[in-house]
Protein backbone atom coordinates (compact mmCIF):
# COMPACT_ATOMS: atom_id res chain seq x y z
CA MET A 1 -48.14 204.61 1.74
CA GLY A 2 -47.21 208.08 0.55
CA LYS A 3 -44.31 208.79 -1.77
CA GLY A 4 -42.20 210.34 0.99
CA ALA A 5 -42.78 207.40 3.29
CA SER A 6 -41.83 205.02 0.49
CA PHE A 7 -38.49 206.77 0.09
CA ILE A 8 -37.80 206.63 3.83
CA ALA A 9 -38.53 202.91 3.82
CA VAL A 10 -36.13 202.11 1.02
CA ILE A 11 -33.39 204.29 2.52
CA VAL A 12 -33.73 202.46 5.84
CA LEU A 13 -33.56 199.21 3.88
CA LEU A 14 -30.14 200.08 2.55
CA PHE A 15 -28.64 200.28 6.02
CA THR A 16 -30.04 196.91 7.09
CA PRO A 17 -27.31 194.22 6.96
CA PRO A 18 -28.04 191.52 4.34
CA ILE A 19 -27.75 188.74 6.94
CA THR A 20 -30.59 190.34 8.89
CA LEU A 21 -32.79 190.34 5.81
CA TYR A 22 -32.17 186.65 5.25
CA ALA A 23 -32.90 185.90 8.89
CA GLN A 24 -36.22 187.71 8.72
CA GLU A 25 -39.22 186.46 6.84
CA ALA A 26 -39.87 188.54 3.73
CA ASP A 27 -43.04 190.18 4.96
CA SER A 28 -42.69 193.76 3.78
CA SER A 29 -42.44 195.58 0.48
CA THR A 30 -38.88 196.66 1.23
CA SER A 31 -37.68 193.17 2.13
CA PHE A 32 -39.19 191.70 -1.04
CA THR A 33 -37.45 194.48 -2.97
CA ARG A 34 -34.08 193.70 -1.42
CA LEU A 35 -34.45 189.98 -2.13
CA GLY A 36 -35.45 190.81 -5.70
CA ILE A 37 -32.31 192.89 -6.13
CA MET A 38 -30.23 189.92 -5.01
CA LYS A 39 -31.97 187.82 -7.67
CA VAL A 40 -31.09 190.44 -10.30
CA ARG A 41 -27.45 190.34 -9.24
CA GLY A 42 -27.47 186.58 -9.74
CA GLY A 43 -29.08 186.83 -13.17
CA ASP A 44 -32.39 185.25 -12.07
CA TYR A 45 -34.60 187.88 -13.70
CA GLU A 46 -37.77 185.80 -13.66
CA GLY A 47 -37.42 185.14 -9.92
CA ALA A 48 -36.63 188.81 -9.35
CA ILE A 49 -39.77 189.94 -11.18
CA LYS A 50 -41.94 187.73 -8.97
CA LEU A 51 -40.44 189.30 -5.85
CA PHE A 52 -40.83 192.84 -7.22
CA ASP A 53 -44.45 192.04 -8.08
CA LYS A 54 -45.03 191.13 -4.44
CA ALA A 55 -43.29 194.30 -3.29
CA ILE A 56 -45.45 196.45 -5.56
CA ASN A 57 -48.64 194.67 -4.53
CA MET A 58 -47.83 195.59 -0.93
CA ASP A 59 -46.81 199.16 -1.77
CA ASP A 60 -47.81 200.51 -5.16
CA GLU A 61 -45.53 203.54 -4.69
CA ASN A 62 -42.33 201.53 -4.15
CA ILE A 63 -40.28 203.30 -6.78
CA LEU A 64 -37.19 201.13 -6.33
CA ALA A 65 -39.25 198.00 -7.02
CA TYR A 66 -40.65 199.49 -10.24
CA PHE A 67 -37.18 200.51 -11.38
CA GLN A 68 -35.55 197.17 -10.68
CA ARG A 69 -38.49 195.28 -12.17
CA GLY A 70 -38.02 197.32 -15.33
CA ARG A 71 -34.38 196.30 -15.48
CA ALA A 72 -35.23 192.66 -14.84
CA LYS A 73 -37.76 192.79 -17.70
CA ALA A 74 -35.09 194.30 -19.93
CA GLY A 75 -32.86 191.39 -18.95
CA MET A 76 -35.52 189.06 -20.35
CA ASN A 77 -35.82 191.17 -23.54
CA ASN A 78 -39.29 192.37 -22.50
CA PHE A 79 -38.43 195.93 -23.43
CA LYS A 80 -42.03 197.17 -23.69
CA GLY A 81 -42.70 195.92 -20.17
CA ALA A 82 -39.49 197.57 -19.00
CA ILE A 83 -40.53 200.88 -20.55
CA ALA A 84 -43.87 200.71 -18.73
CA ASP A 85 -42.06 200.35 -15.39
CA PHE A 86 -39.63 203.17 -16.18
CA ASP A 87 -42.64 205.31 -17.12
CA THR A 88 -43.99 204.73 -13.61
CA VAL A 89 -40.67 205.69 -12.01
CA ILE A 90 -40.58 208.91 -14.02
CA GLU A 91 -44.19 209.67 -13.12
CA PHE A 92 -43.17 209.58 -9.44
CA GLU A 93 -39.72 211.15 -9.91
CA PRO A 94 -39.67 213.24 -13.12
CA ASP A 95 -36.15 214.54 -12.40
CA TYR A 96 -34.43 211.18 -11.88
CA ALA A 97 -31.86 210.95 -14.69
CA PRO A 98 -31.05 207.19 -14.54
CA ALA A 99 -34.69 206.35 -15.23
CA TYR A 100 -34.57 208.33 -18.47
CA MET A 101 -31.30 206.69 -19.49
CA ASP A 102 -32.58 203.17 -18.86
CA ARG A 103 -35.79 203.95 -20.70
CA ALA A 104 -33.68 205.28 -23.59
CA GLU A 105 -31.85 201.94 -23.78
CA ALA A 106 -35.14 200.03 -23.86
CA LYS A 107 -36.63 202.32 -26.51
CA LYS A 108 -33.54 201.88 -28.66
CA LYS A 109 -33.95 198.10 -28.45
CA ILE A 110 -37.48 198.30 -29.92
CA GLY A 111 -36.43 200.70 -32.68
CA ASP A 112 -37.78 203.93 -31.17
CA GLU A 113 -34.69 205.98 -32.02
CA ASN A 114 -36.42 209.36 -31.60
CA GLY A 115 -37.83 208.42 -28.22
CA ALA A 116 -34.44 207.10 -27.12
CA LYS A 117 -32.73 210.33 -28.15
CA GLN A 118 -35.29 212.44 -26.28
CA ASP A 119 -34.77 210.41 -23.12
CA MET A 120 -30.97 210.57 -23.43
CA ASP A 121 -31.15 214.33 -23.93
CA ARG A 122 -33.35 214.61 -20.83
CA ALA A 123 -30.96 212.45 -18.78
CA VAL A 124 -27.98 214.60 -19.78
CA LYS A 125 -29.91 217.80 -19.07
CA LEU A 126 -30.71 216.54 -15.57
CA ASP A 127 -27.19 215.24 -14.97
CA PRO A 128 -24.56 216.61 -17.40
CA SER A 129 -21.87 214.42 -15.81
CA TYR A 130 -23.16 211.46 -17.85
CA LEU A 131 -21.26 212.75 -20.88
CA LYS A 132 -18.08 213.79 -19.10
CA PRO A 133 -15.00 211.75 -20.15
CA PRO A 134 -13.73 209.28 -17.55
CA GLN A 135 -10.76 210.52 -15.53
CA GLU A 136 -7.28 208.98 -15.28
CA ILE A 137 -8.11 205.61 -16.81
CA LYS A 138 -4.90 203.97 -17.99
CA ILE A 139 -6.08 201.38 -20.47
CA PRO A 140 -4.12 200.43 -23.64
CA LYS A 141 -5.76 202.21 -26.54
CA ILE A 142 -7.49 199.92 -29.01
CA PRO A 143 -6.81 200.74 -32.68
CA GLU A 144 -9.65 202.01 -34.80
CA ARG A 145 -11.38 199.34 -36.85
CA PRO A 146 -14.52 199.38 -38.95
CA ALA A 147 -17.68 198.60 -37.04
CA GLU A 148 -19.21 195.18 -37.60
CA PRO A 149 -21.69 195.24 -40.51
CA LYS A 150 -25.25 195.22 -39.34
CA GLU A 151 -26.98 191.97 -40.23
CA PRO A 152 -30.73 191.36 -40.45
CA ASP A 153 -32.41 189.34 -37.73
CA LYS A 154 -29.39 189.50 -35.42
CA PRO A 155 -29.81 192.56 -33.28
CA VAL A 156 -27.07 193.47 -30.92
CA VAL A 157 -28.27 192.68 -27.54
CA ASN A 158 -26.60 194.39 -24.62
CA ALA A 159 -26.88 193.42 -20.99
CA PRO A 160 -29.58 195.09 -18.88
CA SER A 161 -28.34 197.99 -16.81
CA SER A 162 -26.77 197.37 -13.45
CA PRO A 163 -28.71 198.02 -10.22
CA LEU A 164 -30.00 201.50 -9.44
CA GLU A 165 -27.79 204.05 -7.71
CA ASN A 166 -28.41 205.00 -4.08
CA ALA A 167 -29.54 208.57 -3.77
CA LYS A 168 -30.28 210.54 -0.68
CA ASN A 169 -32.18 213.81 -0.47
CA GLY A 170 -35.26 212.47 -2.21
CA SER A 171 -34.01 210.23 -5.00
CA VAL A 172 -34.11 206.45 -5.36
CA PRO A 173 -31.63 204.37 -3.29
CA SER A 174 -29.13 201.88 -4.62
CA PRO A 175 -29.24 198.11 -4.18
CA ASN A 176 -25.45 198.18 -4.06
CA ASP A 177 -25.54 200.22 -0.83
CA GLN A 178 -23.37 202.97 -2.30
CA PRO A 179 -24.30 206.65 -2.26
CA ALA A 180 -25.13 207.89 -5.72
CA LYS A 181 -25.22 211.33 -7.24
CA PRO A 182 -28.09 213.47 -5.92
CA ALA A 183 -30.74 214.62 -8.35
CA GLU A 184 -29.09 218.06 -8.34
CA HIS A 185 -25.64 218.54 -9.88
CA GLU A 186 -23.43 219.04 -6.81
CA VAL A 187 -21.42 215.90 -7.56
CA GLU A 188 -19.46 216.00 -10.80
CA LYS A 189 -16.91 213.19 -10.35
CA LEU A 190 -17.64 209.54 -10.99
CA THR A 191 -17.09 207.46 -7.89
CA THR A 192 -18.88 204.10 -8.06
CA ALA A 193 -18.72 201.21 -10.51
CA GLU A 194 -22.30 201.98 -11.46
CA ASP A 195 -21.46 205.61 -12.21
CA TYR A 196 -18.88 204.42 -14.73
CA TYR A 197 -21.20 201.73 -16.07
CA HIS A 198 -23.98 204.23 -16.79
CA ARG A 199 -21.49 206.55 -18.49
CA GLY A 200 -20.26 203.64 -20.60
CA ILE A 201 -23.80 202.82 -21.68
CA MET A 202 -24.24 206.41 -22.86
CA HIS A 203 -21.06 206.13 -24.94
CA LEU A 204 -22.19 202.77 -26.32
CA ILE A 205 -25.61 204.06 -27.36
CA VAL A 206 -24.15 206.97 -29.34
CA GLY A 207 -21.46 204.81 -30.98
CA GLU A 208 -18.43 206.03 -29.00
CA TYR A 209 -17.06 202.51 -28.60
CA GLU A 210 -13.51 203.27 -27.48
CA ALA A 211 -14.74 205.67 -24.82
CA ALA A 212 -17.25 203.03 -23.75
CA ILE A 213 -14.48 200.43 -23.40
CA LYS A 214 -12.40 202.73 -21.19
CA THR A 215 -15.36 203.57 -19.00
CA PHE A 216 -16.54 199.97 -18.61
CA SER A 217 -12.94 199.04 -17.77
CA LYS A 218 -13.00 201.51 -14.89
CA ALA A 219 -16.25 199.98 -13.62
CA ILE A 220 -14.66 196.52 -13.75
CA GLU A 221 -11.54 197.82 -12.00
CA ILE A 222 -13.73 198.96 -9.11
CA ASN A 223 -15.91 195.83 -9.14
CA PRO A 224 -14.22 192.86 -10.90
CA LYS A 225 -17.44 190.82 -10.67
CA TYR A 226 -19.58 193.39 -12.47
CA VAL A 227 -21.14 191.03 -15.03
CA GLU A 228 -23.08 193.69 -16.95
CA ALA A 229 -19.95 195.82 -17.36
CA SER A 230 -17.96 192.88 -18.75
CA ILE A 231 -20.74 192.06 -21.21
CA SER A 232 -21.13 195.66 -22.33
CA ARG A 233 -17.37 196.06 -22.77
CA GLY A 234 -17.48 192.91 -24.89
CA ASP A 235 -20.25 194.45 -26.98
CA ALA A 236 -18.18 197.59 -27.57
CA LYS A 237 -15.13 195.54 -28.59
CA ARG A 238 -17.25 193.41 -30.92
CA LEU A 239 -18.66 196.49 -32.58
CA LEU A 240 -15.08 197.65 -33.20
CA GLY A 241 -14.27 194.30 -34.79
CA ASN A 242 -12.09 193.12 -31.89
CA TYR A 243 -13.81 189.75 -31.72
CA LYS A 244 -11.20 187.79 -29.77
CA GLU A 245 -11.03 190.46 -27.08
CA ALA A 246 -14.82 190.56 -26.98
CA ILE A 247 -14.95 186.80 -26.46
CA ALA A 248 -12.56 187.15 -23.53
CA ASP A 249 -14.98 189.58 -21.88
CA TYR A 250 -17.97 187.33 -22.51
CA ASP A 251 -15.98 184.38 -21.12
CA GLU A 252 -15.27 186.35 -17.95
CA ALA A 253 -18.94 187.26 -17.56
CA LEU A 254 -19.94 183.61 -17.97
CA LYS A 255 -17.50 182.56 -15.24
CA ILE A 256 -19.47 184.77 -12.86
CA ASN A 257 -22.95 184.06 -14.24
CA THR A 258 -23.10 180.78 -16.15
CA ASN A 259 -26.63 181.51 -17.34
CA SER A 260 -26.14 184.96 -18.85
CA GLU A 261 -28.22 185.01 -22.02
CA THR A 262 -26.67 188.24 -23.30
CA ALA A 263 -23.11 186.97 -22.76
CA TYR A 264 -23.81 183.81 -24.76
CA LEU A 265 -25.48 185.88 -27.50
CA GLY A 266 -22.58 188.31 -27.80
CA ARG A 267 -20.07 185.47 -27.80
CA ALA A 268 -22.05 183.62 -30.47
CA MET A 269 -21.98 186.64 -32.78
CA SER A 270 -18.25 187.10 -32.16
CA LYS A 271 -17.51 183.45 -32.91
CA GLU A 272 -19.59 183.65 -36.07
CA ALA A 273 -17.57 186.67 -37.20
CA LEU A 274 -14.38 184.63 -36.64
CA ASN A 275 -15.84 181.79 -38.73
CA ASP A 276 -16.14 179.49 -35.71
CA LYS A 277 -19.53 178.31 -36.92
CA MET A 278 -19.94 175.30 -34.63
CA GLY A 279 -18.88 177.35 -31.62
CA ALA A 280 -21.47 179.95 -32.58
CA ILE A 281 -24.17 177.29 -32.99
CA ASN A 282 -23.39 175.95 -29.52
CA ASP A 283 -23.65 179.42 -28.00
CA TYR A 284 -26.94 180.17 -29.79
CA SER A 285 -28.18 176.85 -28.40
CA ASN A 286 -27.28 178.04 -24.90
CA VAL A 287 -29.18 181.27 -25.49
CA ILE A 288 -32.23 179.21 -26.45
CA ARG A 289 -31.76 176.93 -23.44
CA ILE A 290 -31.85 179.95 -21.14
CA ASN A 291 -34.59 181.80 -23.03
CA PRO A 292 -36.65 179.58 -25.36
CA LYS A 293 -38.44 182.71 -26.62
CA ASN A 294 -35.34 184.39 -28.07
CA ALA A 295 -36.37 184.52 -31.72
CA SER A 296 -33.12 186.03 -33.00
CA ALA A 297 -31.15 183.08 -31.61
CA TYR A 298 -33.35 180.59 -33.49
CA ILE A 299 -32.94 182.59 -36.70
CA SER A 300 -29.17 182.88 -36.34
CA ARG A 301 -28.78 179.21 -35.50
CA GLY A 302 -31.00 178.30 -38.44
CA ASN A 303 -28.88 180.40 -40.77
CA LEU A 304 -25.70 178.66 -39.63
CA ARG A 305 -27.21 175.20 -39.80
CA SER A 306 -28.47 175.77 -43.32
CA THR A 307 -25.29 177.26 -44.76
CA THR A 308 -22.49 175.75 -42.72
CA SER A 309 -23.30 172.49 -41.04
CA GLY A 310 -25.66 171.30 -43.76
CA ASP A 311 -28.19 170.34 -41.11
CA LEU A 312 -31.15 171.35 -43.23
CA LYS A 313 -33.93 169.66 -41.26
CA ASN A 314 -32.85 171.27 -38.00
CA ALA A 315 -32.43 174.60 -39.78
CA LEU A 316 -36.01 174.27 -41.03
CA ALA A 317 -37.14 173.46 -37.48
CA ASP A 318 -35.49 176.67 -36.20
CA TYR A 319 -37.24 178.82 -38.80
CA ASN A 320 -40.54 177.03 -38.17
CA LYS A 321 -40.21 177.74 -34.45
CA VAL A 322 -39.85 181.47 -34.99
CA ILE A 323 -42.59 181.76 -37.59
CA SER A 324 -45.11 179.69 -35.60
CA THR A 325 -44.46 181.01 -32.09
CA ALA A 326 -43.14 184.54 -32.66
CA PRO A 327 -44.57 185.71 -36.01
CA ASP A 328 -43.88 189.36 -35.18
CA SER A 329 -40.16 188.53 -35.09
CA ALA A 330 -40.23 186.85 -38.50
CA THR A 331 -38.98 189.27 -41.17
CA ALA A 332 -38.89 188.97 -44.93
CA THR A 333 -35.38 187.57 -44.54
CA THR A 334 -36.67 184.84 -42.22
CA TYR A 335 -39.18 183.65 -44.81
CA TYR A 336 -36.56 183.96 -47.55
CA SER A 337 -34.13 181.80 -45.57
CA ARG A 338 -36.78 179.17 -44.89
CA ALA A 339 -37.70 179.18 -48.57
CA VAL A 340 -34.11 178.39 -49.54
CA VAL A 341 -34.03 175.47 -47.10
CA LYS A 342 -37.35 174.14 -48.38
CA GLY A 343 -36.02 174.31 -51.92
CA LYS A 344 -32.90 172.36 -50.97
CA LEU A 345 -35.14 169.73 -49.36
CA GLY A 346 -37.19 169.47 -52.57
CA ASN A 347 -40.35 171.22 -51.34
CA ILE A 348 -40.64 173.65 -54.24
CA THR A 349 -44.29 174.52 -53.62
CA GLY A 350 -43.51 175.42 -50.01
CA GLU A 351 -40.47 177.32 -51.21
CA ILE A 352 -42.58 179.50 -53.50
CA GLU A 353 -45.09 180.16 -50.71
CA ASP A 354 -42.33 181.49 -48.47
CA TYR A 355 -40.93 183.69 -51.23
CA ASP A 356 -44.48 185.02 -51.68
CA THR A 357 -44.56 186.01 -48.01
CA ALA A 358 -41.08 187.53 -48.14
CA ILE A 359 -42.14 189.69 -51.08
CA GLU A 360 -45.36 190.72 -49.33
CA LEU A 361 -43.25 191.94 -46.42
CA ASN A 362 -40.65 193.59 -48.67
CA HIS A 363 -41.83 194.49 -52.16
CA LYS A 364 -38.28 195.42 -53.20
CA TYR A 365 -36.67 192.12 -52.22
CA ALA A 366 -34.84 191.47 -55.49
CA ASP A 367 -33.23 188.18 -54.41
CA ALA A 368 -36.64 186.80 -53.46
CA TYR A 369 -37.94 187.57 -56.96
CA VAL A 370 -34.87 185.93 -58.49
CA ASN A 371 -35.20 182.72 -56.50
CA ARG A 372 -38.96 182.56 -56.90
CA GLY A 373 -38.39 182.85 -60.62
CA PHE A 374 -36.08 179.83 -60.60
CA ALA A 375 -38.55 177.86 -58.47
CA LYS A 376 -41.35 178.62 -60.94
CA TYR A 377 -39.01 177.78 -63.80
CA ALA A 378 -38.45 174.35 -62.22
CA LEU A 379 -42.23 173.83 -62.21
CA ALA A 380 -42.46 174.89 -65.89
CA ASN A 381 -44.24 178.16 -65.04
CA LEU A 382 -42.04 179.93 -67.57
CA LYS A 383 -44.09 183.09 -68.07
CA GLU A 384 -44.33 183.70 -64.34
CA ALA A 385 -40.62 183.00 -63.96
CA VAL A 386 -39.84 185.65 -66.57
CA LEU A 387 -42.09 188.17 -64.79
CA ASP A 388 -40.23 187.59 -61.53
CA TRP A 389 -36.82 187.97 -63.15
CA GLU A 390 -37.87 191.14 -64.95
CA GLU A 391 -39.16 192.58 -61.68
CA ALA A 392 -35.85 191.71 -60.01
CA ILE A 393 -33.99 193.61 -62.75
CA ARG A 394 -36.31 196.59 -62.34
CA ILE A 395 -35.45 196.69 -58.63
CA ALA A 396 -31.74 195.92 -59.10
CA PRO A 397 -30.57 196.67 -62.68
CA SER A 398 -27.18 195.10 -61.95
CA LEU A 399 -28.89 191.68 -62.14
CA SER A 400 -29.63 192.14 -65.83
CA ALA A 401 -26.43 190.53 -67.14
CA GLU A 402 -26.96 187.44 -65.01
CA LEU A 403 -30.69 186.99 -65.64
CA LYS A 404 -31.04 187.99 -69.30
CA PRO A 405 -29.84 184.62 -70.67
CA TYR A 406 -32.45 182.82 -68.55
CA ILE A 407 -35.17 185.23 -69.63
CA ASP A 408 -34.30 184.74 -73.29
CA ALA A 409 -34.17 180.95 -72.88
CA ALA A 410 -37.51 180.86 -71.06
CA LYS A 411 -39.19 182.99 -73.72
CA ALA A 412 -37.78 180.84 -76.49
CA THR A 413 -38.92 177.66 -74.75
CA SER A 414 -42.40 179.10 -74.25
CA LYS A 415 -42.74 179.83 -77.96
CA LYS A 416 -41.74 176.26 -78.79
CA GLY A 417 -44.04 174.82 -76.16
CA GLY A 418 -41.08 173.25 -74.41
CA LYS A 419 -40.75 172.14 -70.82
CA LYS A 420 -38.78 173.41 -67.90
CA GLY A 421 -35.04 173.66 -67.82
CA LYS A 422 -32.58 173.02 -65.04
CA LYS A 423 -33.28 174.96 -61.89
CA LYS A 424 -30.64 177.33 -60.62
CA LYS A 425 -30.40 179.01 -57.24
CA LYS A 426 -29.06 182.48 -56.84
């Protein structure tokens, strides 16, 4: 099927009543696409991907199926797979701005900041209205607050973008059956919930959190059941430090979709910031229930279990899960955290091994040198302990006052041929 024919097919699809689609057997690329879109709306990304796969197998130029499959993959945190699908959309339609914006979001998630910026710039060049301020939105202004400190191993995870806009005159149609902005720039005003949602995502990506909140609020005003908009507004509020308000948004999203991984994740981070540790652990557990491959949720739950609930064995199990099944997600901090737990459980040899790995991954990890020094000190490896402490001071001179007494004591003990002293944890 040619590209033009593919567009005609998906446009016809949009004007087919949903009840008719359910009554018919899904025997065409367009019907599989429509059913897949319904799965996306319900948060069943895995089921949606299977339907989009069938649609693409029947018509390998079904641009809508590629686009929605990319968004479903993003919903499952498969950002590289999502980028591959957005690449295909752009190959077919190089002037379609939403494809660049969604690809920018996915690139940002995998740390490709330059690539994300290039795609955002391209999206704005194709459709300058993406950066226009929302009009006549009467929302109480939220006071400025410092953004939440960025923590290792707990990336902010935003919801996948909402379904694609409908576009006539040669662009991709919308699963929400609403006309979208054409590829050209005749339409300047925002009209649909998805228009406002996309604008909000742009504000969120560049750190304009208050503008993002206002824009997401307009999307929710138009469509009160817009799950992705509620989650993204919660993310913006959380990044401003408005944790209770963020939780309210995540709660609302979970009323609509009880299995929203990103809503549970955002709520967990907000509860943790409010010192509701057990509430956060429960939410991280729900993230893992929905997506057993979410490494950051295991790490975050392990951190809380080890430092708050005192559940050391389960904390160790969480770290083990990440390191054994998703080694690419295990950072120096992950190994450091597991080392601390092993030390508390009395496995000093295993503790040292994990500090070794943490230092291999980050040669300037001063705390890892400090703790490895104390672990070696406990095993009477005094000379090696001193070397670790001296290296820690070289990296972070402010540690000198704290470590110098231990260095002096270890050197004195070595000269006398003495044994180990009491172990201390940093």
